[in-house]
PDB file of N, CA and C in Angstrom:
ATOM      1  N   MET A   1      -1.800  -7.796   4.197  1.00  0.00           N
ATOM      2  CA  MET A   1      -1.979  -6.394   4.657  1.00  0.00           C
ATOM      3  C   MET A   1      -2.428  -5.574   3.420  1.00  0.00           C
ATOM      4  N   ARG A   2      -3.225  -4.622   3.793  1.00  0.00           N
ATOM      5  CA  ARG A   2      -3.724  -3.675   2.746  1.00  0.00           C
ATOM      6  C   ARG A   2      -3.415  -2.234   3.180  1.00  0.00           C
ATOM      7  N   VAL A   3      -2.855  -1.520   2.214  1.00  0.00           N
ATOM      8  CA  VAL A   3      -2.672  -0.046   2.405  1.00  0.00           C
ATOM      9  C   VAL A   3      -3.805   0.569   1.613  1.00  0.00           C
ATOM     10  N   VAL A   4      -4.777   1.128   2.344  1.00  0.00           N
ATOM     11  CA  VAL A   4      -5.907   1.784   1.746  1.00  0.00           C
ATOM     12  C   VAL A   4      -5.639   3.226   1.564  1.00  0.00           C
ATOM     13  N   VAL A   5      -5.914   3.667   0.282  1.00  0.00           N
ATOM     14  CA  VAL A   5      -5.451   5.081  -0.153  1.00  0.00           C
ATOM     15  C   VAL A   5      -6.817   5.825  -0.625  1.00  0.00           C
ATOM     16  N   ASP A   6      -6.902   6.986  -0.087  1.00  0.00           N
ATOM     17  CA  ASP A   6      -7.938   7.906  -0.526  1.00  0.00           C
ATOM     18  C   ASP A   6      -7.252   8.950  -1.353  1.00  0.00           C
ATOM     19  N   LEU A   7      -7.344   9.006  -2.603  1.00  0.00           N
ATOM     20  CA  LEU A   7      -6.726   9.982  -3.486  1.00  0.00           C
ATOM     21  C   LEU A   7      -7.221  11.454  -3.328  1.00  0.00           C
ATOM     22  N   GLU A   8      -8.485  11.525  -2.845  1.00  0.00           N
ATOM     23  CA  GLU A   8      -9.071  12.817  -2.739  1.00  0.00           C
ATOM     24  C   GLU A   8      -8.640  13.577  -1.423  1.00  0.00           C
ATOM     25  N   LYS A   9      -8.579  12.833  -0.343  1.00  0.00           N
ATOM     26  CA  LYS A   9      -8.189  13.303   1.009  1.00  0.00           C
ATOM     27  C   LYS A   9      -6.733  13.193   1.310  1.00  0.00           C
ATOM     28  N   VAL A  10      -5.975  12.485   0.425  1.00  0.00           N
ATOM     29  CA  VAL A  10      -4.566  12.242   0.645  1.00  0.00           C
ATOM     30  C   VAL A  10      -4.433  11.537   1.934  1.00  0.00           C
ATOM     31  N   VAL A  11      -5.058  10.373   2.089  1.00  0.00           N
ATOM     32  CA  VAL A  11      -5.073   9.652   3.363  1.00  0.00           C
ATOM     33  C   VAL A  11      -4.599   8.193   3.036  1.00  0.00           C
ATOM     34  N   VAL A  12      -3.680   7.665   3.864  1.00  0.00           N
ATOM     35  CA  VAL A  12      -3.248   6.304   3.686  1.00  0.00           C
ATOM     36  C   VAL A  12      -3.480   5.592   5.061  1.00  0.00           C
ATOM     37  N   VAL A  13      -4.135   4.448   5.087  1.00  0.00           N
ATOM     38  CA  VAL A  13      -4.430   3.695   6.311  1.00  0.00           C
ATOM     39  C   VAL A  13      -3.998   2.238   6.031  1.00  0.00           C
ATOM     40  N   LEU A  14      -3.356   1.677   7.051  1.00  0.00           N
ATOM     41  CA  LEU A  14      -2.940   0.231   6.954  1.00  0.00           C
ATOM     42  C   LEU A  14      -4.015  -0.564   7.604  1.00  0.00           C
ATOM     43  N   ARG A  15      -4.521  -1.530   6.892  1.00  0.00           N
ATOM     44  CA  ARG A  15      -5.524  -2.499   7.381  1.00  0.00           C
ATOM     45  C   ARG A  15      -5.025  -3.880   7.323  1.00  0.00           C
ATOM     46  N   ASP A  16      -5.498  -4.773   8.222  1.00  0.00           N
ATOM     47  CA  ASP A  16      -5.065  -6.164   8.282  1.00  0.00           C
ATOM     48  C   ASP A  16      -3.559  -6.284   8.345  1.00  0.00           C
ATOM     49  N   ALA A  17      -2.839  -5.504   9.180  1.00  0.00           N
ATOM     50  CA  ALA A  17      -1.420  -5.474   9.330  1.00  0.00           C
ATOM     51  C   ALA A  17      -0.918  -6.847   9.700  1.00  0.00           C
ATOM     52  N   ASP A  18      -1.632  -7.593  10.413  1.00  0.00           N
ATOM     53  CA  ASP A  18      -1.183  -8.852  10.949  1.00  0.00           C
ATOM     54  C   ASP A  18      -1.044  -9.936   9.854  1.00  0.00           C
ATOM     55  N   ASP A  19      -1.723  -9.771   8.737  1.00  0.00           N
ATOM     56  CA  ASP A  19      -1.683 -10.562   7.623  1.00  0.00           C
ATOM     57  C   ASP A  19      -0.471 -10.282   6.691  1.00  0.00           C
ATOM     58  N   VAL A  20       0.685 -10.780   6.978  1.00  0.00           N
ATOM     59  CA  VAL A  20       1.835 -10.405   6.211  1.00  0.00           C
ATOM     60  C   VAL A  20       2.172 -11.390   4.967  1.00  0.00           C
ATOM     61  N   ALA A  21       1.187 -12.271   4.694  1.00  0.00           N
ATOM     62  CA  ALA A  21       1.349 -13.195   3.526  1.00  0.00           C
ATOM     63  C   ALA A  21       1.448 -12.415   2.265  1.00  0.00           C
ATOM     64  N   SER A  22       0.710 -11.279   2.101  1.00  0.00           N
ATOM     65  CA  SER A  22       0.726 -10.546   0.857  1.00  0.00           C
ATOM     66  C   SER A  22       0.401  -9.144   1.204  1.00  0.00           C
ATOM     67  N   ALA A  23       0.812  -8.168   0.270  1.00  0.00           N
ATOM     68  CA  ALA A  23       0.560  -6.827   0.550  1.00  0.00           C
ATOM     69  C   ALA A  23      -0.154  -6.285  -0.735  1.00  0.00           C
ATOM     70  N   THR A  24      -1.196  -5.391  -0.459  1.00  0.00           N
ATOM     71  CA  THR A  24      -1.913  -4.777  -1.555  1.00  0.00           C
ATOM     72  C   THR A  24      -2.053  -3.280  -1.254  1.00  0.00           C
ATOM     73  N   VAL A  25      -2.123  -2.490  -2.280  1.00  0.00           N
ATOM     74  CA  VAL A  25      -2.518  -1.019  -2.203  1.00  0.00           C
ATOM     75  C   VAL A  25      -3.913  -1.010  -2.794  1.00  0.00           C
ATOM     76  N   VAL A  26      -4.870  -0.606  -1.929  1.00  0.00           N
ATOM     77  CA  VAL A  26      -6.215  -0.561  -2.422  1.00  0.00           C
ATOM     78  C   VAL A  26      -6.582   0.982  -2.546  1.00  0.00           C
ATOM     79  N   VAL A  27      -6.986   1.403  -3.775  1.00  0.00           N
ATOM     80  CA  VAL A  27      -7.442   2.675  -4.034  1.00  0.00           C
ATOM     81  C   VAL A  27      -8.974   2.713  -3.714  1.00  0.00           C
ATOM     82  N   ALA A  28      -9.247   3.276  -2.596  1.00  0.00           N
ATOM     83  CA  ALA A  28     -10.725   3.345  -2.144  1.00  0.00           C
ATOM     84  C   ALA A  28     -11.451   4.522  -2.611  1.00  0.00           C
ATOM     85  N   ALA A  29     -10.849   5.592  -2.971  1.00  0.00           N
ATOM     86  CA  ALA A  29     -11.570   6.877  -3.419  1.00  0.00           C
ATOM     87  C   ALA A  29     -10.624   7.666  -4.292  1.00  0.00           C
ATOM     88  N   PRO A  30     -11.182   8.318  -5.222  1.00  0.00           N
ATOM     89  CA  PRO A  30     -12.560   8.399  -5.566  1.00  0.00           C
ATOM     90  C   PRO A  30     -13.034   7.135  -6.321  1.00  0.00           C
ATOM     91  N   PRO A  31     -14.339   6.837  -6.327  1.00  0.00           N
ATOM     92  CA  PRO A  31     -14.886   5.573  -6.824  1.00  0.00           C
ATOM     93  C   PRO A  31     -14.533   5.460  -8.289  1.00  0.00           C
ATOM     94  N   GLY A  32     -14.358   6.570  -9.090  1.00  0.00           N
ATOM     95  CA  GLY A  32     -14.024   6.457 -10.487  1.00  0.00           C
ATOM     96  C   GLY A  32     -12.590   6.330 -10.866  1.00  0.00           C
ATOM     97  N   ALA A  33     -11.675   6.206  -9.798  1.00  0.00           N
ATOM     98  CA  ALA A  33     -10.242   6.108 -10.085  1.00  0.00           C
ATOM     99  C   ALA A  33     -10.044   4.765 -10.871  1.00  0.00           C
ATOM    100  N   SER A  34      -9.090   4.892 -11.856  1.00  0.00           N
ATOM    101  CA  SER A  34      -8.891   3.715 -12.687  1.00  0.00           C
ATOM    102  C   SER A  34      -7.440   3.676 -13.205  1.00  0.00           C
ATOM    103  N   ALA A  35      -6.965   2.540 -13.388  1.00  0.00           N
ATOM    104  CA  ALA A  35      -5.588   2.410 -13.956  1.00  0.00           C
ATOM    105  C   ALA A  35      -5.647   2.851 -15.414  1.00  0.00           C
ATOM    106  N   ALA A  36      -6.763   2.895 -16.046  1.00  0.00           N
ATOM    107  CA  ALA A  36      -6.948   3.364 -17.421  1.00  0.00           C
ATOM    108  C   ALA A  36      -6.818   4.908 -17.556  1.00  0.00           C
ATOM    109  N   ARG A  37      -6.892   5.598 -16.476  1.00  0.00           N
ATOM    110  CA  ARG A  37      -6.744   7.080 -16.512  1.00  0.00           C
ATOM    111  C   ARG A  37      -5.400   7.426 -16.023  1.00  0.00           C
ATOM    112  N   GLN A  38      -4.507   7.959 -16.860  1.00  0.00           N
ATOM    113  CA  GLN A  38      -3.177   8.266 -16.548  1.00  0.00           C
ATOM    114  C   GLN A  38      -3.052   9.252 -15.370  1.00  0.00           C
ATOM    115  N   ALA A  39      -4.044  10.258 -15.368  1.00  0.00           N
ATOM    116  CA  ALA A  39      -4.018  11.297 -14.256  1.00  0.00           C
ATOM    117  C   ALA A  39      -4.196  10.655 -12.875  1.00  0.00           C
ATOM    118  N   THR A  40      -5.091   9.611 -12.879  1.00  0.00           N
ATOM    119  CA  THR A  40      -5.361   8.935 -11.677  1.00  0.00           C
ATOM    120  C   THR A  40      -4.088   8.129 -11.194  1.00  0.00           C
ATOM    121  N   VAL A  41      -3.457   7.459 -12.181  1.00  0.00           N
ATOM    122  CA  VAL A  41      -2.253   6.684 -11.827  1.00  0.00           C
ATOM    123  C   VAL A  41      -1.180   7.632 -11.222  1.00  0.00           C
ATOM    124  N   HIS A  42      -0.985   8.814 -11.906  1.00  0.00           N
ATOM    125  CA  HIS A  42      -0.104   9.789 -11.382  1.00  0.00           C
ATOM    126  C   HIS A  42      -0.435  10.297  -9.971  1.00  0.00           C
ATOM    127  N   ARG A  43      -1.748  10.509  -9.758  1.00  0.00           N
ATOM    128  CA  ARG A  43      -2.182  10.906  -8.465  1.00  0.00           C
ATOM    129  C   ARG A  43      -1.787   9.840  -7.367  1.00  0.00           C
ATOM    130  N   LEU A  44      -2.034   8.585  -7.645  1.00  0.00           N
ATOM    131  CA  LEU A  44      -1.681   7.562  -6.761  1.00  0.00           C
ATOM    132  C   LEU A  44      -0.129   7.614  -6.430  1.00  0.00           C
ATOM    133  N   ALA A  45       0.726   7.757  -7.489  1.00  0.00           N
ATOM    134  CA  ALA A  45       2.113   7.841  -7.270  1.00  0.00           C
ATOM    135  C   ALA A  45       2.444   9.023  -6.401  1.00  0.00           C
ATOM    136  N   ASP A  46       1.796  10.186  -6.631  1.00  0.00           N
ATOM    137  CA  ASP A  46       2.019  11.374  -5.806  1.00  0.00           C
ATOM    138  C   ASP A  46       1.647  11.173  -4.343  1.00  0.00           C
ATOM    139  N   VAL A  47       0.485  10.513  -4.124  1.00  0.00           N
ATOM    140  CA  VAL A  47      -0.016  10.310  -2.743  1.00  0.00           C
ATOM    141  C   VAL A  47       0.973   9.361  -1.987  1.00  0.00           C
ATOM    142  N   LEU A  48       1.323   8.262  -2.630  1.00  0.00           N
ATOM    143  CA  LEU A  48       2.280   7.340  -1.920  1.00  0.00           C
ATOM    144  C   LEU A  48       3.584   8.061  -1.628  1.00  0.00           C
ATOM    145  N   CYS A  49       4.090   8.917  -2.492  1.00  0.00           N
ATOM    146  CA  CYS A  49       5.308   9.636  -2.251  1.00  0.00           C
ATOM    147  C   CYS A  49       5.134  10.672  -1.153  1.00  0.00           C
ATOM    148  N   ALA A  50       4.017  11.498  -1.249  1.00  0.00           N
ATOM    149  CA  ALA A  50       3.783  12.503  -0.310  1.00  0.00           C
ATOM    150  C   ALA A  50       3.561  12.050   1.084  1.00  0.00           C
ATOM    151  N   THR A  51       2.996  10.843   1.294  1.00  0.00           N
ATOM    152  CA  THR A  51       2.753  10.258   2.616  1.00  0.00           C
ATOM    153  C   THR A  51       3.945   9.442   3.085  1.00  0.00           C
ATOM    154  N   ASN A  52       4.979   9.318   2.233  1.00  0.00           N
ATOM    155  CA  ASN A  52       6.218   8.635   2.539  1.00  0.00           C
ATOM    156  C   ASN A  52       5.993   7.114   2.674  1.00  0.00           C
ATOM    157  N   VAL A  53       4.943   6.619   2.075  1.00  0.00           N
ATOM    158  CA  VAL A  53       4.654   5.233   2.208  1.00  0.00           C
ATOM    159  C   VAL A  53       5.382   4.376   1.190  1.00  0.00           C
ATOM    160  N   GLY A  54       5.540   4.901  -0.015  1.00  0.00           N
ATOM    161  CA  GLY A  54       6.265   4.132  -1.033  1.00  0.00           C
ATOM    162  C   GLY A  54       6.219   4.733  -2.409  1.00  0.00           C
ATOM    163  N   THR A  55       6.413   3.931  -3.461  1.00  0.00           N
ATOM    164  CA  THR A  55       6.501   4.422  -4.798  1.00  0.00           C
ATOM    165  C   THR A  55       5.555   3.544  -5.664  1.00  0.00           C
ATOM    166  N   LEU A  56       5.240   4.085  -6.760  1.00  0.00           N
ATOM    167  CA  LEU A  56       4.387   3.240  -7.705  1.00  0.00           C
ATOM    168  C   LEU A  56       5.357   2.934  -8.843  1.00  0.00           C
ATOM    169  N   GLU A  57       5.386   1.538  -9.077  1.00  0.00           N
ATOM    170  CA  GLU A  57       6.221   1.029 -10.145  1.00  0.00           C
ATOM    171  C   GLU A  57       5.510   0.971 -11.510  1.00  0.00           C
ATOM    172  N   SER A  58       4.213   0.636 -11.476  1.00  0.00           N
ATOM    173  CA  SER A  58       3.389   0.675 -12.640  1.00  0.00           C
ATOM    174  C   SER A  58       1.972   0.910 -12.117  1.00  0.00           C
ATOM    175  N   ASP A  59       0.981   0.802 -13.034  1.00  0.00           N
ATOM    176  CA  ASP A  59      -0.421   1.062 -12.548  1.00  0.00           C
ATOM    177  C   ASP A  59      -0.918  -0.131 -11.684  1.00  0.00           C
ATOM    178  N   SER A  60      -0.127  -1.245 -11.731  1.00  0.00           N
ATOM    179  CA  SER A  60      -0.596  -2.452 -10.983  1.00  0.00           C
ATOM    180  C   SER A  60       0.393  -2.914  -9.884  1.00  0.00           C
ATOM    181  N   VAL A  61       1.499  -2.175  -9.671  1.00  0.00           N
ATOM    182  CA  VAL A  61       2.557  -2.679  -8.702  1.00  0.00           C
ATOM    183  C   VAL A  61       3.095  -1.456  -7.989  1.00  0.00           C
ATOM    184  N   ALA A  62       3.071  -1.549  -6.605  1.00  0.00           N
ATOM    185  CA  ALA A  62       3.725  -0.499  -5.796  1.00  0.00           C
ATOM    186  C   ALA A  62       4.878  -1.082  -5.016  1.00  0.00           C
ATOM    187  N   ARG A  63       5.749  -0.277  -4.586  1.00  0.00           N
ATOM    188  CA  ARG A  63       6.839  -0.644  -3.702  1.00  0.00           C
ATOM    189  C   ARG A  63       6.657   0.093  -2.335  1.00  0.00           C
ATOM    190  N   LEU A  64       6.291  -0.603  -1.253  1.00  0.00           N
ATOM    191  CA  LEU A  64       6.000   0.069  -0.012  1.00  0.00           C
ATOM    192  C   LEU A  64       7.308   0.171   0.805  1.00  0.00           C
ATOM    193  N   ARG A  65       7.514   1.162   1.501  1.00  0.00           N
ATOM    194  CA  ARG A  65       8.707   1.343   2.404  1.00  0.00           C
ATOM    195  C   ARG A  65       8.467   0.466   3.662  1.00  0.00           C
ATOM    196  N   ALA A  66       9.344  -0.334   3.927  1.00  0.00           N
ATOM    197  CA  ALA A  66       9.126  -1.196   5.184  1.00  0.00           C
ATOM    198  C   ALA A  66       9.103  -0.431   6.393  1.00  0.00           C
ATOM    199  N   ASP A  67       9.850   0.610   6.567  1.00  0.00           N
ATOM    200  CA  ASP A  67       9.788   1.470   7.776  1.00  0.00           C
ATOM    201  C   ASP A  67       8.476   2.145   7.897  1.00  0.00           C
ATOM    202  N   ALA A  68       7.786   2.540   6.768  1.00  0.00           N
ATOM    203  CA  ALA A  68       6.490   3.183   6.876  1.00  0.00           C
ATOM    204  C   ALA A  68       5.453   2.146   7.190  1.00  0.00           C
ATOM    205  N   VAL A  69       5.581   0.915   6.757  1.00  0.00           N
ATOM    206  CA  VAL A  69       4.589  -0.103   7.131  1.00  0.00           C
ATOM    207  C   VAL A  69       4.724  -0.387   8.659  1.00  0.00           C
ATOM    208  N   ARG A  70       6.002  -0.442   9.079  1.00  0.00           N
ATOM    209  CA  ARG A  70       6.213  -0.620  10.562  1.00  0.00           C
ATOM    210  C   ARG A  70       5.591   0.442  11.354  1.00  0.00           C
ATOM    211  N   PHE A  71       5.787   1.703  10.950  1.00  0.00           N
ATOM    212  CA  PHE A  71       5.154   2.831  11.673  1.00  0.00           C
ATOM    213  C   PHE A  71       3.677   2.722  11.711  1.00  0.00           C
ATOM    214  N   HIS A  72       3.017   2.455  10.592  1.00  0.00           N
ATOM    215  CA  HIS A  72       1.583   2.372  10.589  1.00  0.00           C
ATOM    216  C   HIS A  72       1.075   1.142  11.355  1.00  0.00           C
ATOM    217  N   ALA A  73       1.878   0.038  11.478  1.00  0.00           N
ATOM    218  CA  ALA A  73       1.442  -1.115  12.272  1.00  0.00           C
ATOM    219  C   ALA A  73       1.682  -0.984  13.749  1.00  0.00           C
ATOM    220  N   ALA A  74       2.516  -0.112  14.093  1.00  0.00           N
ATOM    221  CA  ALA A  74       2.948   0.008  15.600  1.00  0.00           C
ATOM    222  C   ALA A  74       1.780   0.074  16.470  1.00  0.00           C
ATOM    223  N   GLY A  75       1.743  -0.806  17.474  1.00  0.00           N
ATOM    224  CA  GLY A  75       0.681  -0.777  18.514  1.00  0.00           C
ATOM    225  C   GLY A  75      -0.493  -1.673  18.197  1.00  0.00           C
ATOM    226  N   GLY A  76      -0.574  -2.089  16.895  1.00  0.00           N
ATOM    227  CA  GLY A  76      -1.709  -2.925  16.493  1.00  0.00           C
ATOM    228  C   GLY A  76      -1.383  -4.310  16.036  1.00  0.00           C
ATOM    229  N   VAL A  77      -0.172  -4.738  16.365  1.00  0.00           N
ATOM    230  CA  VAL A  77       0.252  -6.103  15.884  1.00  0.00           C
ATOM    231  C   VAL A  77       0.871  -6.889  17.066  1.00  0.00           C
ATOM    232  N   GLY A  78       0.957  -8.212  16.916  1.00  0.00           N
ATOM    233  CA  GLY A  78       1.496  -9.066  17.963  1.00  0.00           C
ATOM    234  C   GLY A  78       2.955  -9.135  18.008  1.00  0.00           C
ATOM    235  N   GLU A  79       3.525  -9.758  19.090  1.00  0.00           N
ATOM    236  CA  GLU A  79       4.988  -9.800  19.307  1.00  0.00           C
ATOM    237  C   GLU A  79       5.823 -10.357  18.216  1.00  0.00           C
ATOM    238  N   ASP A  80       5.284 -11.411  17.500  1.00  0.00           N
ATOM    239  CA  ASP A  80       5.998 -12.025  16.496  1.00  0.00           C
ATOM    240  C   ASP A  80       5.860 -11.363  15.153  1.00  0.00           C
ATOM    241  N   TRP A  81       5.105 -10.267  15.061  1.00  0.00           N
ATOM    242  CA  TRP A  81       4.847  -9.613  13.807  1.00  0.00           C
ATOM    243  C   TRP A  81       6.119  -9.251  13.111  1.00  0.00           C
ATOM    244  N   GLU A  82       7.052  -8.631  13.743  1.00  0.00           N
ATOM    245  CA  GLU A  82       8.267  -8.121  13.077  1.00  0.00           C
ATOM    246  C   GLU A  82       9.068  -9.264  12.474  1.00  0.00           C
ATOM    247  N   ARG A  83       9.137 -10.361  13.084  1.00  0.00           N
ATOM    248  CA  ARG A  83       9.843 -11.465  12.516  1.00  0.00           C
ATOM    249  C   ARG A  83       9.160 -11.929  11.259  1.00  0.00           C
ATOM    250  N   ARG A  84       7.809 -12.113  11.278  1.00  0.00           N
ATOM    251  CA  ARG A  84       7.084 -12.478  10.118  1.00  0.00           C
ATOM    252  C   ARG A  84       7.121 -11.404   8.997  1.00  0.00           C
ATOM    253  N   PHE A  85       7.027 -10.166   9.340  1.00  0.00           N
ATOM    254  CA  PHE A  85       7.029  -9.096   8.455  1.00  0.00           C
ATOM    255  C   PHE A  85       8.380  -8.993   7.688  1.00  0.00           C
ATOM    256  N   ALA A  86       9.467  -9.207   8.477  1.00  0.00           N
ATOM    257  CA  ALA A  86      10.762  -9.160   7.810  1.00  0.00           C
ATOM    258  C   ALA A  86      10.963 -10.166   6.734  1.00  0.00           C
ATOM    259  N   GLY A  87      10.214 -11.290   6.846  1.00  0.00           N
ATOM    260  CA  GLY A  87      10.251 -12.285   5.784  1.00  0.00           C
ATOM    261  C   GLY A  87       9.620 -11.885   4.459  1.00  0.00           C
ATOM    262  N   THR A  88       8.790 -10.783   4.512  1.00  0.00           N
ATOM    263  CA  THR A  88       8.161 -10.286   3.327  1.00  0.00           C
ATOM    264  C   THR A  88       8.951  -9.169   2.686  1.00  0.00           C
ATOM    265  N   CYS A  89       9.903  -8.614   3.404  1.00  0.00           N
ATOM    266  CA  CYS A  89      10.640  -7.461   2.912  1.00  0.00           C
ATOM    267  C   CYS A  89      11.747  -7.895   1.897  1.00  0.00           C
ATOM    268  N   GLN A  90      12.011  -6.998   0.906  1.00  0.00           N
ATOM    269  CA  GLN A  90      13.060  -7.218  -0.046  1.00  0.00           C
ATOM    270  C   GLN A  90      13.994  -6.062  -0.054  1.00  0.00           C
ATOM    271  N   ARG A  91      15.193  -6.282  -0.306  1.00  0.00           N
ATOM    272  CA  ARG A  91      16.174  -5.228  -0.375  1.00  0.00           C
ATOM    273  C   ARG A  91      16.099  -4.580  -1.736  1.00  0.00           C
ATOM    274  N   TYR A  92      15.988  -3.253  -1.799  1.00  0.00           N
ATOM    275  CA  TYR A  92      16.034  -2.504  -2.996  1.00  0.00           C
ATOM    276  C   TYR A  92      16.916  -1.282  -2.857  1.00  0.00           C
ATOM    277  N   GLY A  93      18.125  -1.392  -3.372  1.00  0.00           N
ATOM    278  CA  GLY A  93      19.051  -0.350  -3.135  1.00  0.00           C
ATOM    279  C   GLY A  93      19.435  -0.388  -1.695  1.00  0.00           C
ATOM    280  N   ASP A  94      19.271   0.722  -0.978  1.00  0.00           N
ATOM    281  CA  ASP A  94      19.671   0.899   0.393  1.00  0.00           C
ATOM    282  C   ASP A  94      18.390   0.667   1.332  1.00  0.00           C
ATOM    283  N   ASP A  95      17.317   0.412   0.752  1.00  0.00           N
ATOM    284  CA  ASP A  95      16.082   0.336   1.553  1.00  0.00           C
ATOM    285  C   ASP A  95      15.454  -1.098   1.564  1.00  0.00           C
ATOM    286  N   ASP A  96      14.689  -1.372   2.593  1.00  0.00           N
ATOM    287  CA  ASP A  96      13.855  -2.574   2.573  1.00  0.00           C
ATOM    288  C   ASP A  96      12.509  -2.095   2.206  1.00  0.00           C
ATOM    289  N   VAL A  97      11.909  -2.903   1.279  1.00  0.00           N
ATOM    290  CA  VAL A  97      10.626  -2.610   0.688  1.00  0.00           C
ATOM    291  C   VAL A  97       9.761  -3.861   0.607  1.00  0.00           C
ATOM    292  N   VAL A  98       8.490  -3.594   0.490  1.00  0.00           N
ATOM    293  CA  VAL A  98       7.472  -4.678   0.390  1.00  0.00           C
ATOM    294  C   VAL A  98       6.731  -4.517  -1.042  1.00  0.00           C
ATOM    295  N   PRO A  99       6.826  -5.486  -1.894  1.00  0.00           N
ATOM    296  CA  PRO A  99       6.058  -5.324  -3.145  1.00  0.00           C
ATOM    297  C   PRO A  99       4.633  -5.509  -2.879  1.00  0.00           C
ATOM    298  N   ALA A 100       3.776  -4.682  -3.542  1.00  0.00           N
ATOM    299  CA  ALA A 100       2.359  -4.754  -3.399  1.00  0.00           C
ATOM    300  C   ALA A 100       1.627  -4.571  -4.666  1.00  0.00           C
ATOM    301  N   ALA A 101       0.600  -5.439  -4.827  1.00  0.00           N
ATOM    302  CA  ALA A 101      -0.269  -5.277  -5.981  1.00  0.00           C
ATOM    303  C   ALA A 101      -1.238  -4.109  -5.745  1.00  0.00           C
ATOM    304  N   VAL A 102      -1.529  -3.347  -6.820  1.00  0.00           N
ATOM    305  CA  VAL A 102      -2.478  -2.199  -6.713  1.00  0.00           C
ATOM    306  C   VAL A 102      -3.834  -2.673  -7.163  1.00  0.00           C
ATOM    307  N   ILE A 103      -4.858  -2.347  -6.371  1.00  0.00           N
ATOM    308  CA  ILE A 103      -6.280  -2.689  -6.668  1.00  0.00           C
ATOM    309  C   ILE A 103      -7.057  -1.419  -6.765  1.00  0.00           C
ATOM    310  N   TRP A 104      -7.676  -1.207  -7.928  1.00  0.00           N
ATOM    311  CA  TRP A 104      -8.400  -0.065  -8.273  1.00  0.00           C
ATOM    312  C   TRP A 104      -9.899  -0.280  -7.888  1.00  0.00           C
ATOM    313  N   PRO A 105     -10.684   0.807  -7.736  1.00  0.00           N
ATOM    314  CA  PRO A 105     -12.101   0.679  -7.358  1.00  0.00           C
ATOM    315  C   PRO A 105     -12.831  -0.323  -8.234  1.00  0.00           C
ATOM    316  N   ASP A 106     -12.616  -0.321  -9.544  1.00  0.00           N
ATOM    317  CA  ASP A 106     -13.428  -1.274 -10.302  1.00  0.00           C
ATOM    318  C   ASP A 106     -13.032  -2.725 -10.112  1.00  0.00           C
ATOM    319  N   GLN A 107     -12.016  -3.021  -9.322  1.00  0.00           N
ATOM    320  CA  GLN A 107     -11.559  -4.341  -8.995  1.00  0.00           C
ATOM    321  C   GLN A 107     -11.950  -4.739  -7.626  1.00  0.00           C
ATOM    322  N   LEU A 108     -12.661  -3.925  -6.915  1.00  0.00           N
ATOM    323  CA  LEU A 108     -12.942  -4.096  -5.490  1.00  0.00           C
ATOM    324  C   LEU A 108     -14.126  -5.073  -5.133  1.00  0.00           C
ATOM    325  N   PHE A 109     -14.642  -5.748  -6.051  1.00  0.00           N
ATOM    326  CA  PHE A 109     -15.665  -6.687  -5.796  1.00  0.00           C
ATOM    327  C   PHE A 109     -15.256  -7.681  -4.809  1.00  0.00           C
ATOM    328  N   GLY A 110     -16.053  -7.710  -3.700  1.00  0.00           N
ATOM    329  CA  GLY A 110     -15.696  -8.703  -2.670  1.00  0.00           C
ATOM    330  C   GLY A 110     -14.725  -8.276  -1.593  1.00  0.00           C
ATOM    331  N   LEU A 111     -14.085  -7.093  -1.813  1.00  0.00           N
ATOM    332  CA  LEU A 111     -13.108  -6.568  -0.829  1.00  0.00           C
ATOM    333  C   LEU A 111     -13.735  -5.420  -0.098  1.00  0.00           C
ATOM    334  N   GLU A 112     -13.450  -5.353   1.240  1.00  0.00           N
ATOM    335  CA  GLU A 112     -13.979  -4.155   2.005  1.00  0.00           C
ATOM    336  C   GLU A 112     -12.833  -3.300   2.250  1.00  0.00           C
ATOM    337  N   ALA A 113     -12.897  -2.017   1.766  1.00  0.00           N
ATOM    338  CA  ALA A 113     -11.781  -1.050   1.947  1.00  0.00           C
ATOM    339  C   ALA A 113     -11.983  -0.474   3.305  1.00  0.00           C
TER     340      ALA A 113
END
């Protein structure tokens, strides 16, 4: 599954929700966003928090809220999705979360956001 983030419009969209084998956060806009720019990294952290989707652990790792992923996936996944998704969740404090690699625009070769 991919959580596609537009840092300019403050929009978060879940793509490929049925693929629960791995999770990624894909920064789709602006095109110049980079892990090398601290302001952009802070912006991603702010957008994940403001949209209630998750938190940024580092410039390359996010922690997605399981309830937020469920909300975004609702109506677009099959009957066995919840069982499969639960297997990817981890307990972090009082919350269920999904670890996700962060992919920046300069890493998007071959991926469609």
